[in-house]
C-alpha atoms as a PDB file:
ATOM      1  CA  MET A   1      -1.944 103.996 140.372  1.00  0.00           C
ATOM      2  CA  SER A   2      -1.338 104.519 136.801  1.00  0.00           C
ATOM      3  CA  GLU A   3       1.706 106.334 135.298  1.00  0.00           C
ATOM      4  CA  ILE A   4       2.515 108.362 132.401  1.00  0.00           C
ATOM      5  CA  THR A   5       3.856 106.025 129.221  1.00  0.00           C
ATOM      6  CA  TYR A   6       7.015 107.461 127.543  1.00  0.00           C
ATOM      7  CA  VAL A   7       7.615 106.657 124.017  1.00  0.00           C
ATOM      8  CA  ARG A   8      10.000 107.807 121.157  1.00  0.00           C
ATOM      9  CA  GLY A   9       8.179 109.017 118.663  1.00  0.00           C
ATOM     10  CA  ASP A  10       5.876 111.613 116.943  1.00  0.00           C
ATOM     11  CA  ALA A  11       3.178 112.961 119.207  1.00  0.00           C
ATOM     12  CA  THR A  12       1.277 114.207 116.030  1.00  0.00           C
ATOM     13  CA  ALA A  13       0.913 110.343 115.231  1.00  0.00           C
ATOM     14  CA  PRO A  14      -0.349 108.591 118.337  1.00  0.00           C
ATOM     15  CA  SER A  15      -0.709 104.748 117.295  1.00  0.00           C
ATOM     16  CA  VAL A  16      -3.564 103.565 119.495  1.00  0.00           C
ATOM     17  CA  LYS A  17      -7.285 102.984 118.874  1.00  0.00           C
ATOM     18  CA  GLY A  18      -9.949 105.352 120.177  1.00  0.00           C
ATOM     19  CA  VAL A  19     -10.312 108.896 120.499  1.00  0.00           C
ATOM     20  CA  ARG A  20      -6.551 110.538 121.012  1.00  0.00           C
ATOM     21  CA  LEU A  21      -6.322 114.311 122.323  1.00  0.00           C
ATOM     22  CA  ILE A  22      -3.154 115.916 121.244  1.00  0.00           C
ATOM     23  CA  ALA A  23      -1.858 118.409 123.582  1.00  0.00           C
ATOM     24  CA  HIS A  24       0.572 121.032 123.494  1.00  0.00           C
ATOM     25  CA  VAL A  25       1.439 124.523 124.971  1.00  0.00           C
ATOM     26  CA  CYS A  26       0.804 127.873 122.979  1.00  0.00           C
ATOM     27  CA  ASN A  27       2.088 131.285 123.998  1.00  0.00           C
ATOM     28  CA  ASP A  28      -0.004 134.060 124.874  1.00  0.00           C
ATOM     29  CA  ILE A  29       1.131 136.627 122.183  1.00  0.00           C
ATOM     30  CA  GLY A  30      -0.586 134.514 119.167  1.00  0.00           C
ATOM     31  CA  GLY A  31       2.916 133.172 117.942  1.00  0.00           C
ATOM     32  CA  TRP A  32       2.980 130.082 116.053  1.00  0.00           C
ATOM     33  CA  GLY A  33       6.344 129.036 113.821  1.00  0.00           C
ATOM     34  CA  LYS A  34       8.582 127.323 116.094  1.00  0.00           C
ATOM     35  CA  GLY A  35       8.705 124.229 117.977  1.00  0.00           C
ATOM     36  CA  PHE A  36       5.948 121.389 118.069  1.00  0.00           C
ATOM     37  CA  VAL A  37       3.438 123.573 116.225  1.00  0.00           C
ATOM     38  CA  LEU A  38       5.589 123.309 113.143  1.00  0.00           C
ATOM     39  CA  ALA A  39       4.898 119.600 113.313  1.00  0.00           C
ATOM     40  CA  LEU A  40       1.395 120.134 114.296  1.00  0.00           C
ATOM     41  CA  SER A  41       1.004 122.445 111.017  1.00  0.00           C
ATOM     42  CA  ARG A  42       2.687 120.055 108.419  1.00  0.00           C
ATOM     43  CA  ARG A  43      -0.089 117.311 109.682  1.00  0.00           C
ATOM     44  CA  TRP A  44      -3.234 119.746 109.786  1.00  0.00           C
ATOM     45  CA  PRO A  45      -3.715 123.493 109.054  1.00  0.00           C
ATOM     46  CA  GLU A  46      -6.639 123.797 111.513  1.00  0.00           C
ATOM     47  CA  PRO A  47      -5.083 124.115 114.822  1.00  0.00           C
ATOM     48  CA  GLN A  48      -3.207 126.993 113.582  1.00  0.00           C
ATOM     49  CA  ALA A  49      -5.725 128.799 111.642  1.00  0.00           C
ATOM     50  CA  VAL A  50      -8.327 128.487 114.738  1.00  0.00           C
ATOM     51  CA  TYR A  51      -5.382 129.693 117.218  1.00  0.00           C
ATOM     52  CA  ARG A  52      -4.972 132.836 115.398  1.00  0.00           C
ATOM     53  CA  ALA A  53      -8.346 133.691 114.725  1.00  0.00           C
ATOM     54  CA  TRP A  54      -8.743 133.251 118.949  1.00  0.00           C
ATOM     55  CA  HIS A  55      -6.057 135.300 119.626  1.00  0.00           C
ATOM     56  CA  ARG A  56      -7.666 138.294 116.800  1.00  0.00           C
ATOM     57  CA  ASP A  57     -10.498 137.914 118.717  1.00  0.00           C
ATOM     58  CA  ARG A  58      -9.275 138.205 122.326  1.00  0.00           C
ATOM     59  CA  ALA A  59     -11.113 141.372 123.641  1.00  0.00           C
ATOM     60  CA  HIS A  60     -14.132 138.789 123.432  1.00  0.00           C
ATOM     61  CA  ASN A  61     -13.191 135.826 124.047  1.00  0.00           C
ATOM     62  CA  ASP A  62     -11.199 133.834 126.761  1.00  0.00           C
ATOM     63  CA  PHE A  63      -7.874 133.915 125.166  1.00  0.00           C
ATOM     64  CA  GLY A  64      -5.153 134.224 127.804  1.00  0.00           C
ATOM     65  CA  LEU A  65      -2.983 132.112 130.350  1.00  0.00           C
ATOM     66  CA  GLY A  66      -4.731 129.175 131.000  1.00  0.00           C
ATOM     67  CA  ALA A  67      -7.164 128.841 128.595  1.00  0.00           C
ATOM     68  CA  THR A  68      -7.442 125.741 126.504  1.00  0.00           C
ATOM     69  CA  GLN A  69      -9.137 125.442 122.819  1.00  0.00           C
ATOM     70  CA  PHE A  70     -10.089 122.122 121.221  1.00  0.00           C
ATOM     71  CA  VAL A  71      -9.688 121.785 117.620  1.00  0.00           C
ATOM     72  CA  GLN A  72     -11.201 118.302 115.833  1.00  0.00           C
ATOM     73  CA  VAL A  73      -8.626 117.651 112.945  1.00  0.00           C
ATOM     74  CA  GLU A  74      -9.632 114.245 112.234  1.00  0.00           C
ATOM     75  CA  LYS A  75     -12.898 111.746 113.300  1.00  0.00           C
ATOM     76  CA  TYR A  76     -10.924 110.463 116.255  1.00  0.00           C
ATOM     77  CA  VAL A  77      -8.217 113.096 116.568  1.00  0.00           C
ATOM     78  CA  TRP A  78      -8.521 116.755 118.551  1.00  0.00           C
ATOM     79  CA  VAL A  79      -5.671 118.835 119.368  1.00  0.00           C
ATOM     80  CA  ALA A  80      -5.804 120.929 122.465  1.00  0.00           C
ATOM     81  CA  ASN A  81      -4.180 124.360 122.074  1.00  0.00           C
ATOM     82  CA  LEU A  82      -3.211 125.235 125.999  1.00  0.00           C
ATOM     83  CA  ILE A  83      -1.932 128.720 126.643  1.00  0.00           C
ATOM     84  CA  GLY A  84       0.865 127.905 129.408  1.00  0.00           C
ATOM     85  CA  GLN A  85       3.408 130.362 128.168  1.00  0.00           C
ATOM     86  CA  ARG A  86       4.067 134.184 128.502  1.00  0.00           C
ATOM     87  CA  GLY A  87       5.553 135.375 125.427  1.00  0.00           C
ATOM     88  CA  VAL A  88       8.610 133.828 123.676  1.00  0.00           C
ATOM     89  CA  LEU A  89      12.134 133.957 124.206  1.00  0.00           C
ATOM     90  CA  PRO A  90      14.044 137.067 123.043  1.00  0.00           C
ATOM     91  CA  GLN A  91      15.810 136.232 119.324  1.00  0.00           C
ATOM     92  CA  GLY A  92      18.935 134.496 119.503  1.00  0.00           C
ATOM     93  CA  LEU A  93      18.729 133.594 123.413  1.00  0.00           C
ATOM     94  CA  GLY A  94      19.572 129.571 123.635  1.00  0.00           C
ATOM     95  CA  PHE A  95      19.228 127.256 126.651  1.00  0.00           C
ATOM     96  CA  ALA A  96      22.168 126.339 128.547  1.00  0.00           C
ATOM     97  CA  ARG A  97      20.735 123.106 128.821  1.00  0.00           C
ATOM     98  CA  PRO A  98      17.403 121.786 128.130  1.00  0.00           C
ATOM     99  CA  GLY A  99      14.774 122.724 130.780  1.00  0.00           C
ATOM    100  CA  ARG A 100      17.337 125.276 132.101  1.00  0.00           C
ATOM    101  CA  THR A 101      17.077 129.214 132.427  1.00  0.00           C
ATOM    102  CA  PRO A 102      18.059 130.656 129.189  1.00  0.00           C
ATOM    103  CA  MET A 103      21.517 132.069 128.897  1.00  0.00           C
ATOM    104  CA  GLY A 104      20.974 135.695 129.076  1.00  0.00           C
ATOM    105  CA  SER A 105      17.871 135.824 130.470  1.00  0.00           C
ATOM    106  CA  LYS A 106      15.948 136.809 133.825  1.00  0.00           C
ATOM    107  CA  GLY A 107      13.587 133.966 133.045  1.00  0.00           C
ATOM    108  CA  VAL A 108      11.760 131.634 130.787  1.00  0.00           C
ATOM    109  CA  PRO A 109       7.891 132.167 129.071  1.00  0.00           C
ATOM    110  CA  VAL A 110       6.581 128.895 130.876  1.00  0.00           C
ATOM    111  CA  ARG A 111       3.942 129.414 133.209  1.00  0.00           C
ATOM    112  CA  TYR A 112       3.124 126.269 135.535  1.00  0.00           C
ATOM    113  CA  GLU A 113      -0.125 127.487 137.030  1.00  0.00           C
ATOM    114  CA  SER A 114      -1.516 128.084 133.394  1.00  0.00           C
ATOM    115  CA  ILE A 115      -0.504 124.943 132.285  1.00  0.00           C
ATOM    116  CA  ASP A 116      -2.205 123.447 135.655  1.00  0.00           C
ATOM    117  CA  THR A 117      -5.361 125.340 134.714  1.00  0.00           C
ATOM    118  CA  GLY A 118      -4.950 124.227 131.223  1.00  0.00           C
ATOM    119  CA  LEU A 119      -4.645 120.571 131.913  1.00  0.00           C
ATOM    120  CA  ALA A 120      -7.711 120.561 134.142  1.00  0.00           C
ATOM    121  CA  HIS A 121      -9.429 121.797 130.863  1.00  0.00           C
ATOM    122  CA  VAL A 122      -7.867 118.920 128.736  1.00  0.00           C
ATOM    123  CA  ALA A 123      -8.726 116.479 131.860  1.00  0.00           C
ATOM    124  CA  THR A 124     -12.487 117.397 131.283  1.00  0.00           C
ATOM    125  CA  LYS A 125     -12.399 117.247 127.373  1.00  0.00           C
ATOM    126  CA  ALA A 126     -10.728 113.836 127.393  1.00  0.00           C
ATOM    127  CA  ALA A 127     -13.332 112.525 130.099  1.00  0.00           C
ATOM    128  CA  GLU A 128     -15.864 113.820 127.800  1.00  0.00           C
ATOM    129  CA  LEU A 129     -14.661 112.190 124.723  1.00  0.00           C
ATOM    130  CA  GLY A 130     -13.380 108.954 126.202  1.00  0.00           C
ATOM    131  CA  ALA A 131      -9.994 110.045 124.689  1.00  0.00           C
ATOM    132  CA  SER A 132      -6.341 109.112 125.596  1.00  0.00           C
ATOM    133  CA  VAL A 133      -3.797 112.350 125.707  1.00  0.00           C
ATOM    134  CA  HIS A 134      -0.717 112.267 123.983  1.00  0.00           C
ATOM    135  CA  MET A 135       1.713 115.125 123.981  1.00  0.00           C
ATOM    136  CA  PRO A 136       5.406 115.926 123.607  1.00  0.00           C
ATOM    137  CA  ARG A 137       7.146 117.359 126.997  1.00  0.00           C
ATOM    138  CA  ILE A 138       5.018 120.077 127.113  1.00  0.00           C
ATOM    139  CA  GLY A 139       6.341 123.598 128.410  1.00  0.00           C
ATOM    140  CA  CYS A 140      10.018 122.119 128.214  1.00  0.00           C
ATOM    141  CA  GLY A 141      10.922 123.214 124.934  1.00  0.00           C
ATOM    142  CA  LEU A 142      10.761 126.774 123.661  1.00  0.00           C
ATOM    143  CA  ALA A 143       9.051 127.723 126.824  1.00  0.00           C
ATOM    144  CA  GLY A 144      11.873 126.615 129.007  1.00  0.00           C
ATOM    145  CA  GLY A 145      10.018 124.689 131.432  1.00  0.00           C
ATOM    146  CA  ASP A 146      11.662 121.910 133.749  1.00  0.00           C
ATOM    147  CA  TRP A 147       9.795 118.728 133.160  1.00  0.00           C
ATOM    148  CA  SER A 148      10.327 117.922 137.143  1.00  0.00           C
ATOM    149  CA  ARG A 149       7.667 120.709 137.623  1.00  0.00           C
ATOM    150  CA  VAL A 150       5.299 119.771 134.713  1.00  0.00           C
ATOM    151  CA  GLU A 151       5.448 116.122 135.131  1.00  0.00           C
ATOM    152  CA  PRO A 152       3.407 116.239 138.740  1.00  0.00           C
ATOM    153  CA  LEU A 153       0.785 118.419 137.070  1.00  0.00           C
ATOM    154  CA  ILE A 154       0.244 115.984 134.484  1.00  0.00           C
ATOM    155  CA  MET A 155      -0.066 113.118 137.135  1.00  0.00           C
ATOM    156  CA  ARG A 156      -2.665 115.171 139.377  1.00  0.00           C
ATOM    157  CA  ARG A 157      -4.554 116.825 136.243  1.00  0.00           C
ATOM    158  CA  LEU A 158      -4.969 113.791 133.882  1.00  0.00           C
ATOM    159  CA  VAL A 159      -3.311 110.423 135.473  1.00  0.00           C
ATOM    160  CA  GLU A 160      -5.160 110.555 138.705  1.00  0.00           C
ATOM    161  CA  ARG A 161      -8.046 110.953 137.232  1.00  0.00           C
ATOM    162  CA  GLY A 162      -7.780 107.794 135.145  1.00  0.00           C
ATOM    163  CA  VAL A 163      -6.836 109.397 131.615  1.00  0.00           C
ATOM    164  CA  ALA A 164      -4.475 107.494 129.847  1.00  0.00           C
ATOM    165  CA  VAL A 165      -1.113 109.695 128.845  1.00  0.00           C
ATOM    166  CA  THR A 166       1.495 109.417 126.470  1.00  0.00           C
ATOM    167  CA  VAL A 167       4.397 111.777 126.239  1.00  0.00           C
ATOM    168  CA  TYR A 168       6.410 111.596 123.064  1.00  0.00           C
ATOM    169  CA  ASP A 169      10.397 112.280 122.689  1.00  0.00           C
ATOM    170  CA  HIS A 170      11.080 112.796 119.206  1.00  0.00           C
ATOM    171  CA  GLY A 171      13.216 110.426 118.164  1.00  0.00           C
ATOM    172  CA  GLU A 172      15.961 110.750 115.389  1.00  0.00           C
END
């Protein structure tokens, strides 16, 4: 069986050939301004603009936990805005360690079930496009998730379906 490929680098700049689908986790309150989304916005304005419009019109669309929006940003590059986070951490709370409960909080925003649902949408779109999937360690930054819980979801939803997945650890 295939595995996830781990590399040090920038998930917004996959160096493989073919169609690339960049997946990341968004919150369910319309917030866009910290974490991986900043790298996306520096490269392309469309994912943020489309996400904010999707949130604004949420009474008339599928915006919510588990929903995934696909935005084409280049001829062979798509971005998946995956709603896998309930709210955001309160201002000033920090993590004791990455992937652990934030200090002073009773929980974290990550919603594993929603990430799982969103990854199923990503798998379907990747198959439709013949795309490889690229991502940071989704749900494990500002969402406060634990990679040991996210990685099996990626394995089951993507890798076991034959989708090539690369996870990027940002290098300094």
